[in-house]
Amino acid sequence: MTKSKNSTNAGRRAFLSNAASVAAVTVAASIARPAAAVALGPDPIFAAIEAHKAACVTTRKTLDVHSALDHELPADKCRSRATAFGETLVATDDPRWIESERDVMRSFDAETDAACALVSVRPTTIAGVLALLQYANAADTDGEAWPRDLQSDDGTKARSWHYFLIEALAEVLPGMVSA
């Protein structure tokens, strides 16, 4: 699973929108695991969930630094932009601003990669399925937490994260139910 090359979630407006989403996801990251997930066992989905939580925390911290710089620096020192489509650098910008822009994009990319892992790593237990479903709902407090523009590894499907979640669970659940 990868972010679609046509993704338009990289602009400044999307950045600000995502900042609010990340704050909500950070709250969800502090939610305790369901009772069914207590017996972790070898199910790899638990590690994927924890990796996504960690990516969300990193993104939140990165956005906090970016926001502080935005308030601290004069506007004429904050004109550079880093997006999924490339960088627009202004030579007179504060180097901290430029690096912060790059850090924001890297953290968004890492968070998206971690979200893709959640639908690529297959749960091996019912407890893992339940933990993934509960985390997916708890983390999505505003309907914006999960990527919308994903592409299948073979490039044949471009769909939302939720589509790939359902597809993954539909693939593994029959084997768990009949076992």
N, C-alpha and C. Protein backbone atom coordinates (compact mmCIF):
# COMPACT_ATOMS: atom_id res chain seq x y z
N MET A 1 0.84 -1.16 0.00
CA MET A 1 0.00 0.00 0.00
C MET A 1 0.89 1.23 0.00
N THR A 2 0.60 2.15 -0.90
CA THR A 2 1.36 3.39 -0.95
C THR A 2 0.43 4.56 -1.13
N LYS A 3 0.95 5.74 -0.82
CA LYS A 3 0.20 6.97 -1.04
C LYS A 3 0.12 7.18 -2.54
N SER A 4 -1.05 7.54 -3.03
CA SER A 4 -1.24 7.77 -4.44
C SER A 4 -0.38 8.93 -4.91
N LYS A 5 0.16 8.81 -6.11
CA LYS A 5 0.96 9.89 -6.68
C LYS A 5 0.11 11.13 -6.95
N ASN A 6 -1.19 10.96 -7.03
CA ASN A 6 -2.10 12.08 -7.30
C ASN A 6 -2.65 12.70 -6.03
N SER A 7 -2.11 12.33 -4.90
CA SER A 7 -2.60 12.86 -3.63
C SER A 7 -2.46 14.37 -3.59
N THR A 8 -3.52 15.04 -3.16
CA THR A 8 -3.50 16.49 -3.07
C THR A 8 -3.50 16.96 -1.64
N ASN A 9 -3.20 16.08 -0.71
CA ASN A 9 -3.22 16.43 0.71
C ASN A 9 -1.91 17.05 1.17
N ALA A 10 -1.18 17.71 0.28
CA ALA A 10 0.14 18.17 0.65
C ALA A 10 0.25 19.68 0.79
N GLY A 11 -0.77 20.43 0.48
CA GLY A 11 -0.69 21.88 0.52
C GLY A 11 -0.77 22.44 1.92
N ARG A 12 -0.62 23.75 2.02
CA ARG A 12 -0.65 24.42 3.32
C ARG A 12 -2.01 24.24 3.98
N ARG A 13 -3.09 24.35 3.21
CA ARG A 13 -4.42 24.18 3.78
C ARG A 13 -4.58 22.78 4.35
N ALA A 14 -4.10 21.79 3.62
CA ALA A 14 -4.18 20.41 4.11
C ALA A 14 -3.31 20.24 5.35
N PHE A 15 -2.17 20.95 5.35
CA PHE A 15 -1.29 20.89 6.52
C PHE A 15 -2.04 21.34 7.77
N LEU A 16 -2.71 22.47 7.67
CA LEU A 16 -3.43 22.99 8.82
C LEU A 16 -4.58 22.07 9.22
N SER A 17 -5.26 21.52 8.22
CA SER A 17 -6.33 20.58 8.50
C SER A 17 -5.79 19.32 9.17
N ASN A 18 -4.66 18.85 8.65
CA ASN A 18 -4.06 17.64 9.22
C ASN A 18 -3.55 17.87 10.63
N ALA A 19 -3.14 19.10 10.93
CA ALA A 19 -2.64 19.40 12.27
C ALA A 19 -3.72 19.10 13.31
N ALA A 20 -4.95 19.50 13.00
CA ALA A 20 -6.05 19.22 13.92
C ALA A 20 -6.31 17.72 14.01
N SER A 21 -6.21 17.03 12.88
CA SER A 21 -6.42 15.58 12.88
C SER A 21 -5.37 14.87 13.71
N VAL A 22 -4.14 15.32 13.56
CA VAL A 22 -3.05 14.69 14.30
C VAL A 22 -3.25 14.86 15.79
N ALA A 23 -3.72 16.02 16.20
CA ALA A 23 -3.98 16.24 17.62
C ALA A 23 -5.01 15.23 18.13
N ALA A 24 -6.03 15.00 17.33
CA ALA A 24 -7.06 14.04 17.73
C ALA A 24 -6.51 12.62 17.76
N VAL A 25 -5.66 12.29 16.80
CA VAL A 25 -5.08 10.96 16.77
C VAL A 25 -4.16 10.75 17.97
N THR A 26 -3.48 11.80 18.38
CA THR A 26 -2.61 11.70 19.55
C THR A 26 -3.42 11.34 20.79
N VAL A 27 -4.60 11.92 20.90
CA VAL A 27 -5.48 11.57 22.02
C VAL A 27 -5.84 10.09 21.92
N ALA A 28 -6.16 9.64 20.71
CA ALA A 28 -6.52 8.24 20.52
C ALA A 28 -5.36 7.32 20.86
N ALA A 29 -4.14 7.79 20.66
CA ALA A 29 -2.97 6.97 20.94
C ALA A 29 -2.85 6.65 22.42
N SER A 30 -3.47 7.48 23.25
CA SER A 30 -3.38 7.23 24.68
C SER A 30 -4.47 6.29 25.19
N ILE A 31 -5.38 5.91 24.31
CA ILE A 31 -6.47 5.01 24.71
C ILE A 31 -5.90 3.62 24.99
N ALA A 32 -6.34 3.03 26.06
CA ALA A 32 -5.87 1.69 26.43
C ALA A 32 -6.36 0.67 25.42
N ARG A 33 -5.59 -0.38 25.27
CA ARG A 33 -5.99 -1.46 24.38
C ARG A 33 -7.20 -2.19 24.93
N PRO A 34 -8.04 -2.73 24.04
CA PRO A 34 -9.20 -3.47 24.52
C PRO A 34 -8.77 -4.72 25.28
N ALA A 35 -9.67 -5.20 26.13
CA ALA A 35 -9.37 -6.38 26.94
C ALA A 35 -9.00 -7.57 26.06
N ALA A 36 -9.64 -7.68 24.89
CA ALA A 36 -9.34 -8.79 24.00
C ALA A 36 -7.90 -8.76 23.50
N ALA A 37 -7.28 -7.59 23.54
CA ALA A 37 -5.93 -7.46 23.01
C ALA A 37 -4.86 -7.66 24.08
N VAL A 38 -5.25 -7.92 25.30
CA VAL A 38 -4.27 -8.04 26.37
C VAL A 38 -3.30 -9.18 26.10
N ALA A 39 -3.80 -10.30 25.63
CA ALA A 39 -2.93 -11.42 25.30
C ALA A 39 -2.33 -11.17 23.92
N LEU A 40 -1.22 -10.44 23.87
CA LEU A 40 -0.64 -10.01 22.61
C LEU A 40 -0.22 -11.15 21.71
N GLY A 41 0.44 -12.13 22.26
CA GLY A 41 0.91 -13.23 21.43
C GLY A 41 1.76 -12.72 20.28
N PRO A 42 1.87 -13.52 19.25
CA PRO A 42 2.73 -13.16 18.14
C PRO A 42 2.05 -12.33 17.04
N ASP A 43 0.81 -11.91 17.25
CA ASP A 43 0.08 -11.20 16.20
C ASP A 43 0.82 -9.91 15.82
N PRO A 44 1.25 -9.80 14.57
CA PRO A 44 2.05 -8.64 14.15
C PRO A 44 1.26 -7.34 14.08
N ILE A 45 -0.05 -7.40 14.11
CA ILE A 45 -0.84 -6.17 14.00
C ILE A 45 -0.64 -5.27 15.22
N PHE A 46 -0.35 -5.87 16.37
CA PHE A 46 -0.13 -5.06 17.57
C PHE A 46 1.09 -4.15 17.40
N ALA A 47 2.14 -4.69 16.82
CA ALA A 47 3.34 -3.87 16.56
C ALA A 47 3.03 -2.78 15.55
N ALA A 48 2.21 -3.09 14.55
CA ALA A 48 1.84 -2.08 13.54
C ALA A 48 1.01 -0.97 14.18
N ILE A 49 0.11 -1.33 15.09
CA ILE A 49 -0.69 -0.32 15.79
C ILE A 49 0.22 0.58 16.62
N GLU A 50 1.14 -0.02 17.35
CA GLU A 50 2.07 0.77 18.17
C GLU A 50 2.94 1.67 17.30
N ALA A 51 3.37 1.17 16.15
CA ALA A 51 4.18 1.98 15.24
C ALA A 51 3.38 3.18 14.73
N HIS A 52 2.10 2.97 14.44
CA HIS A 52 1.27 4.09 13.99
C HIS A 52 1.09 5.11 15.10
N LYS A 53 0.85 4.62 16.31
CA LYS A 53 0.73 5.54 17.44
C LYS A 53 1.99 6.38 17.59
N ALA A 54 3.14 5.73 17.49
CA ALA A 54 4.42 6.45 17.62
C ALA A 54 4.59 7.47 16.50
N ALA A 55 4.20 7.11 15.29
CA ALA A 55 4.29 8.06 14.17
C ALA A 55 3.39 9.26 14.40
N CYS A 56 2.22 9.03 14.98
CA CYS A 56 1.30 10.14 15.29
C CYS A 56 1.90 11.07 16.34
N VAL A 57 2.53 10.49 17.34
CA VAL A 57 3.16 11.30 18.39
C VAL A 57 4.29 12.14 17.78
N THR A 58 5.09 11.52 16.92
CA THR A 58 6.18 12.25 16.26
C THR A 58 5.63 13.38 15.41
N THR A 59 4.56 13.12 14.68
CA THR A 59 3.96 14.17 13.85
C THR A 59 3.47 15.31 14.71
N ARG A 60 2.84 14.98 15.82
CA ARG A 60 2.34 16.02 16.72
C ARG A 60 3.48 16.90 17.22
N LYS A 61 4.57 16.29 17.64
CA LYS A 61 5.72 17.05 18.12
C LYS A 61 6.31 17.91 17.01
N THR A 62 6.38 17.36 15.81
CA THR A 62 6.91 18.10 14.67
C THR A 62 6.02 19.30 14.36
N LEU A 63 4.71 19.11 14.43
CA LEU A 63 3.79 20.22 14.19
C LEU A 63 3.88 21.28 15.28
N ASP A 64 4.13 20.85 16.51
CA ASP A 64 4.31 21.81 17.60
C ASP A 64 5.52 22.71 17.34
N VAL A 65 6.63 22.11 16.91
CA VAL A 65 7.83 22.88 16.59
C VAL A 65 7.55 23.83 15.43
N HIS A 66 6.89 23.33 14.41
CA HIS A 66 6.56 24.14 13.23
C HIS A 66 5.68 25.32 13.63
N SER A 67 4.69 25.06 14.44
CA SER A 67 3.78 26.12 14.89
C SER A 67 4.52 27.17 15.71
N ALA A 68 5.41 26.73 16.58
CA ALA A 68 6.19 27.67 17.39
C ALA A 68 7.06 28.56 16.51
N LEU A 69 7.68 27.97 15.50
CA LEU A 69 8.48 28.77 14.57
C LEU A 69 7.61 29.74 13.79
N ASP A 70 6.44 29.31 13.40
CA ASP A 70 5.52 30.17 12.66
C ASP A 70 5.15 31.41 13.48
N HIS A 71 5.02 31.23 14.78
CA HIS A 71 4.71 32.36 15.66
C HIS A 71 5.94 33.21 15.98
N GLU A 72 7.09 32.57 16.05
CA GLU A 72 8.32 33.25 16.45
C GLU A 72 8.95 34.06 15.32
N LEU A 73 8.97 33.51 14.13
CA LEU A 73 9.70 34.14 13.02
C LEU A 73 8.83 35.14 12.27
N PRO A 74 9.45 36.18 11.71
CA PRO A 74 8.69 37.11 10.87
C PRO A 74 8.20 36.39 9.60
N ALA A 75 7.08 36.84 9.09
CA ALA A 75 6.46 36.19 7.93
C ALA A 75 7.40 36.14 6.73
N ASP A 76 8.25 37.15 6.57
CA ASP A 76 9.15 37.17 5.41
C ASP A 76 10.30 36.17 5.55
N LYS A 77 10.37 35.48 6.67
CA LYS A 77 11.39 34.43 6.88
C LYS A 77 10.77 33.04 6.84
N CYS A 78 9.48 32.97 6.48
CA CYS A 78 8.74 31.70 6.49
C CYS A 78 7.98 31.49 5.18
N ARG A 79 8.62 31.72 4.07
CA ARG A 79 7.92 31.60 2.79
C ARG A 79 8.20 30.29 2.07
N SER A 80 9.20 29.57 2.48
CA SER A 80 9.51 28.28 1.85
C SER A 80 8.43 27.27 2.16
N ARG A 81 8.22 26.36 1.22
CA ARG A 81 7.23 25.30 1.39
C ARG A 81 7.82 23.97 0.95
N ALA A 82 7.51 22.93 1.69
CA ALA A 82 7.85 21.56 1.32
C ALA A 82 6.54 20.80 1.25
N THR A 83 6.26 20.21 0.10
CA THR A 83 5.04 19.43 -0.09
C THR A 83 5.40 18.09 -0.71
N ALA A 84 4.40 17.27 -0.90
CA ALA A 84 4.60 15.98 -1.55
C ALA A 84 5.04 16.16 -3.00
N PHE A 85 4.81 17.33 -3.55
CA PHE A 85 5.14 17.59 -4.95
C PHE A 85 6.51 18.22 -5.12
N GLY A 86 7.16 18.57 -4.03
CA GLY A 86 8.49 19.17 -4.11
C GLY A 86 8.65 20.32 -3.13
N GLU A 87 9.75 21.02 -3.29
CA GLU A 87 10.05 22.13 -2.39
C GLU A 87 10.11 23.44 -3.17
N THR A 88 9.63 24.49 -2.53
CA THR A 88 9.80 25.85 -3.02
C THR A 88 10.59 26.57 -1.94
N LEU A 89 11.86 26.77 -2.20
CA LEU A 89 12.73 27.36 -1.19
C LEU A 89 12.99 28.83 -1.50
N VAL A 90 12.97 29.64 -0.44
CA VAL A 90 13.27 31.06 -0.53
C VAL A 90 14.60 31.26 0.19
N ALA A 91 15.59 31.76 -0.54
CA ALA A 91 16.96 31.86 -0.01
C ALA A 91 17.06 32.68 1.27
N THR A 92 16.18 33.65 1.43
CA THR A 92 16.26 34.53 2.61
C THR A 92 15.49 33.99 3.81
N ASP A 93 14.87 32.83 3.67
CA ASP A 93 14.13 32.25 4.80
C ASP A 93 15.08 31.78 5.89
N ASP A 94 14.55 31.76 7.10
CA ASP A 94 15.29 31.23 8.24
C ASP A 94 15.54 29.74 7.99
N PRO A 95 16.78 29.28 8.13
CA PRO A 95 17.07 27.86 7.90
C PRO A 95 16.26 26.92 8.79
N ARG A 96 15.91 27.39 9.98
CA ARG A 96 15.09 26.56 10.88
C ARG A 96 13.71 26.33 10.27
N TRP A 97 13.17 27.34 9.59
CA TRP A 97 11.86 27.22 8.95
C TRP A 97 11.91 26.19 7.82
N ILE A 98 12.95 26.29 7.01
CA ILE A 98 13.09 25.36 5.88
C ILE A 98 13.19 23.93 6.41
N GLU A 99 14.00 23.73 7.42
CA GLU A 99 14.15 22.38 7.98
C GLU A 99 12.85 21.91 8.63
N SER A 100 12.13 22.82 9.26
CA SER A 100 10.85 22.46 9.86
C SER A 100 9.84 22.04 8.80
N GLU A 101 9.81 22.74 7.68
CA GLU A 101 8.93 22.36 6.57
C GLU A 101 9.26 20.94 6.11
N ARG A 102 10.53 20.66 5.97
CA ARG A 102 10.96 19.32 5.55
C ARG A 102 10.60 18.27 6.60
N ASP A 103 10.79 18.62 7.88
CA ASP A 103 10.44 17.70 8.96
C ASP A 103 8.95 17.37 8.95
N VAL A 104 8.12 18.37 8.70
CA VAL A 104 6.67 18.15 8.65
C VAL A 104 6.34 17.15 7.54
N MET A 105 6.91 17.34 6.37
CA MET A 105 6.63 16.41 5.27
C MET A 105 7.13 15.01 5.59
N ARG A 106 8.32 14.92 6.19
CA ARG A 106 8.84 13.60 6.56
C ARG A 106 7.93 12.92 7.59
N SER A 107 7.44 13.69 8.55
CA SER A 107 6.58 13.07 9.57
C SER A 107 5.23 12.67 8.99
N PHE A 108 4.69 13.49 8.08
CA PHE A 108 3.45 13.10 7.41
C PHE A 108 3.66 11.82 6.60
N ASP A 109 4.79 11.75 5.90
CA ASP A 109 5.08 10.54 5.12
C ASP A 109 5.22 9.32 6.02
N ALA A 110 5.90 9.47 7.14
CA ALA A 110 6.07 8.35 8.07
C ALA A 110 4.73 7.91 8.65
N GLU A 111 3.87 8.88 8.95
CA GLU A 111 2.55 8.54 9.48
C GLU A 111 1.72 7.81 8.43
N THR A 112 1.80 8.28 7.19
CA THR A 112 1.07 7.61 6.11
C THR A 112 1.61 6.19 5.90
N ASP A 113 2.93 6.05 5.94
CA ASP A 113 3.52 4.71 5.81
C ASP A 113 3.04 3.78 6.93
N ALA A 114 2.97 4.31 8.15
CA ALA A 114 2.49 3.51 9.28
C ALA A 114 1.01 3.16 9.11
N ALA A 115 0.23 4.08 8.56
CA ALA A 115 -1.18 3.79 8.28
C ALA A 115 -1.31 2.71 7.21
N CYS A 116 -0.44 2.76 6.21
CA CYS A 116 -0.45 1.73 5.17
C CYS A 116 -0.08 0.37 5.75
N ALA A 117 0.84 0.36 6.71
CA ALA A 117 1.21 -0.91 7.35
C ALA A 117 0.03 -1.52 8.08
N LEU A 118 -0.83 -0.68 8.63
CA LEU A 118 -2.00 -1.20 9.35
C LEU A 118 -2.94 -1.98 8.44
N VAL A 119 -2.96 -1.68 7.16
CA VAL A 119 -3.82 -2.42 6.24
C VAL A 119 -3.03 -3.41 5.39
N SER A 120 -1.71 -3.41 5.54
CA SER A 120 -0.87 -4.37 4.82
C SER A 120 -0.49 -5.56 5.70
N VAL A 121 -0.26 -5.29 6.98
CA VAL A 121 0.05 -6.36 7.94
C VAL A 121 -1.27 -7.05 8.29
N ARG A 122 -1.32 -8.34 8.11
CA ARG A 122 -2.55 -9.07 8.38
C ARG A 122 -2.60 -9.55 9.82
N PRO A 123 -3.70 -9.24 10.54
CA PRO A 123 -3.86 -9.78 11.89
C PRO A 123 -3.90 -11.30 11.82
N THR A 124 -3.37 -11.94 12.84
CA THR A 124 -3.37 -13.41 12.87
C THR A 124 -4.28 -13.97 13.95
N THR A 125 -4.89 -13.08 14.73
CA THR A 125 -5.80 -13.53 15.80
C THR A 125 -7.06 -12.66 15.79
N ILE A 126 -8.11 -13.20 16.36
CA ILE A 126 -9.33 -12.41 16.53
C ILE A 126 -9.05 -11.19 17.41
N ALA A 127 -8.22 -11.37 18.43
CA ALA A 127 -7.85 -10.24 19.29
C ALA A 127 -7.17 -9.15 18.47
N GLY A 128 -6.35 -9.53 17.51
CA GLY A 128 -5.70 -8.56 16.63
C GLY A 128 -6.69 -7.84 15.74
N VAL A 129 -7.65 -8.58 15.20
CA VAL A 129 -8.70 -7.97 14.38
C VAL A 129 -9.48 -6.95 15.20
N LEU A 130 -9.88 -7.35 16.40
CA LEU A 130 -10.64 -6.43 17.27
C LEU A 130 -9.81 -5.20 17.64
N ALA A 131 -8.55 -5.40 17.96
CA ALA A 131 -7.69 -4.27 18.32
C ALA A 131 -7.55 -3.31 17.14
N LEU A 132 -7.37 -3.85 15.94
CA LEU A 132 -7.24 -3.00 14.76
C LEU A 132 -8.52 -2.21 14.50
N LEU A 133 -9.66 -2.88 14.57
CA LEU A 133 -10.94 -2.19 14.34
C LEU A 133 -11.19 -1.12 15.39
N GLN A 134 -10.93 -1.46 16.64
CA GLN A 134 -11.15 -0.48 17.72
C GLN A 134 -10.19 0.69 17.61
N TYR A 135 -8.95 0.42 17.26
CA TYR A 135 -7.98 1.50 17.09
C TYR A 135 -8.36 2.38 15.89
N ALA A 136 -8.78 1.75 14.80
CA ALA A 136 -9.16 2.52 13.61
C ALA A 136 -10.27 3.50 13.93
N ASN A 137 -11.25 3.07 14.69
CA ASN A 137 -12.35 3.97 15.06
C ASN A 137 -11.92 5.00 16.09
N ALA A 138 -11.19 4.58 17.10
CA ALA A 138 -10.78 5.50 18.16
C ALA A 138 -9.85 6.59 17.63
N ALA A 139 -8.99 6.24 16.71
CA ALA A 139 -8.03 7.21 16.18
C ALA A 139 -8.67 8.19 15.21
N ASP A 140 -9.80 7.84 14.65
CA ASP A 140 -10.44 8.68 13.63
C ASP A 140 -11.56 9.50 14.25
N THR A 141 -11.20 10.51 15.01
CA THR A 141 -12.19 11.30 15.73
C THR A 141 -12.93 12.31 14.86
N ASP A 142 -12.38 12.62 13.69
CA ASP A 142 -13.02 13.64 12.85
C ASP A 142 -13.22 13.22 11.39
N GLY A 143 -13.00 11.96 11.10
CA GLY A 143 -13.18 11.49 9.73
C GLY A 143 -12.03 11.82 8.80
N GLU A 144 -10.95 12.35 9.35
CA GLU A 144 -9.82 12.77 8.52
C GLU A 144 -8.50 12.08 8.88
N ALA A 145 -8.53 11.13 9.80
CA ALA A 145 -7.29 10.55 10.30
C ALA A 145 -6.60 9.61 9.31
N TRP A 146 -7.35 8.98 8.45
CA TRP A 146 -6.78 7.95 7.60
C TRP A 146 -6.63 8.45 6.17
N PRO A 147 -5.58 7.99 5.48
CA PRO A 147 -5.34 8.43 4.10
C PRO A 147 -6.50 8.05 3.18
N ARG A 148 -6.76 8.92 2.25
CA ARG A 148 -7.84 8.67 1.28
C ARG A 148 -7.32 8.23 -0.07
N ASP A 149 -6.11 8.57 -0.37
CA ASP A 149 -5.57 8.36 -1.72
C ASP A 149 -4.48 7.30 -1.71
N LEU A 150 -4.85 6.05 -1.48
CA LEU A 150 -3.88 4.96 -1.47
C LEU A 150 -4.00 4.15 -2.74
N GLN A 151 -2.90 3.51 -3.07
CA GLN A 151 -2.87 2.67 -4.26
C GLN A 151 -2.38 1.29 -3.85
N SER A 152 -2.99 0.26 -4.42
CA SER A 152 -2.56 -1.10 -4.11
C SER A 152 -1.13 -1.30 -4.59
N ASP A 153 -0.45 -2.26 -3.98
CA ASP A 153 0.95 -2.51 -4.33
C ASP A 153 1.14 -2.83 -5.81
N ASP A 154 0.15 -3.49 -6.40
CA ASP A 154 0.27 -3.82 -7.82
C ASP A 154 -0.23 -2.70 -8.73
N GLY A 155 -0.71 -1.61 -8.14
CA GLY A 155 -1.13 -0.45 -8.92
C GLY A 155 -2.49 -0.58 -9.59
N THR A 156 -3.24 -1.62 -9.28
CA THR A 156 -4.52 -1.83 -9.97
C THR A 156 -5.69 -1.14 -9.30
N LYS A 157 -5.52 -0.73 -8.03
CA LYS A 157 -6.64 -0.10 -7.31
C LYS A 157 -6.17 1.17 -6.61
N ALA A 158 -6.95 2.21 -6.74
CA ALA A 158 -6.75 3.44 -5.98
C ALA A 158 -7.99 3.62 -5.13
N ARG A 159 -7.82 3.53 -3.83
CA ARG A 159 -8.96 3.57 -2.92
C ARG A 159 -8.56 4.25 -1.61
N SER A 160 -9.55 4.32 -0.71
CA SER A 160 -9.32 4.88 0.62
C SER A 160 -8.69 3.83 1.53
N TRP A 161 -8.13 4.31 2.62
CA TRP A 161 -7.57 3.43 3.64
C TRP A 161 -8.63 2.47 4.15
N HIS A 162 -9.85 2.96 4.35
CA HIS A 162 -10.94 2.11 4.85
C HIS A 162 -11.24 0.95 3.90
N TYR A 163 -11.18 1.19 2.61
CA TYR A 163 -11.40 0.12 1.64
C TYR A 163 -10.38 -1.00 1.86
N PHE A 164 -9.10 -0.60 1.96
CA PHE A 164 -8.06 -1.61 2.13
C PHE A 164 -8.14 -2.30 3.49
N LEU A 165 -8.62 -1.61 4.51
CA LEU A 165 -8.85 -2.24 5.81
C LEU A 165 -9.89 -3.34 5.68
N ILE A 166 -11.01 -3.02 5.07
CA ILE A 166 -12.08 -4.01 4.89
C ILE A 166 -11.59 -5.17 4.04
N GLU A 167 -10.86 -4.88 2.98
CA GLU A 167 -10.33 -5.93 2.12
C GLU A 167 -9.40 -6.88 2.90
N ALA A 168 -8.53 -6.31 3.73
CA ALA A 168 -7.60 -7.12 4.51
C ALA A 168 -8.34 -8.01 5.50
N LEU A 169 -9.32 -7.44 6.18
CA LEU A 169 -10.05 -8.23 7.18
C LEU A 169 -10.94 -9.28 6.52
N ALA A 170 -11.50 -8.96 5.38
CA ALA A 170 -12.30 -9.95 4.65
C ALA A 170 -11.43 -11.12 4.19
N GLU A 171 -10.16 -10.85 3.99
CA GLU A 171 -9.23 -11.90 3.59
C GLU A 171 -8.86 -12.82 4.75
N VAL A 172 -8.67 -12.26 5.95
CA VAL A 172 -8.19 -13.09 7.07
C VAL A 172 -9.30 -13.69 7.92
N LEU A 173 -10.43 -13.05 8.01
CA LEU A 173 -11.48 -13.53 8.92
C LEU A 173 -12.02 -14.92 8.58
N PRO A 174 -12.24 -15.26 7.32
CA PRO A 174 -12.76 -16.62 7.05
C PRO A 174 -11.87 -17.72 7.63
N GLY A 175 -10.57 -17.57 7.57
CA GLY A 175 -9.66 -18.56 8.14
C GLY A 175 -9.72 -18.61 9.65
N MET A 176 -10.02 -17.49 10.27
CA MET A 176 -10.11 -17.45 11.73
C MET A 176 -11.43 -18.02 12.23
N VAL A 177 -12.47 -17.80 11.50
CA VAL A 177 -13.80 -18.26 11.90
C VAL A 177 -13.91 -19.77 11.74
N SER A 178 -13.33 -20.31 10.68
CA SER A 178 -13.44 -21.75 10.44
C SER A 178 -12.43 -22.55 11.26
N ALA A 179 -11.47 -21.87 11.86
CA ALA A 179 -10.43 -22.58 12.62
C ALA A 179 -10.94 -23.09 13.94
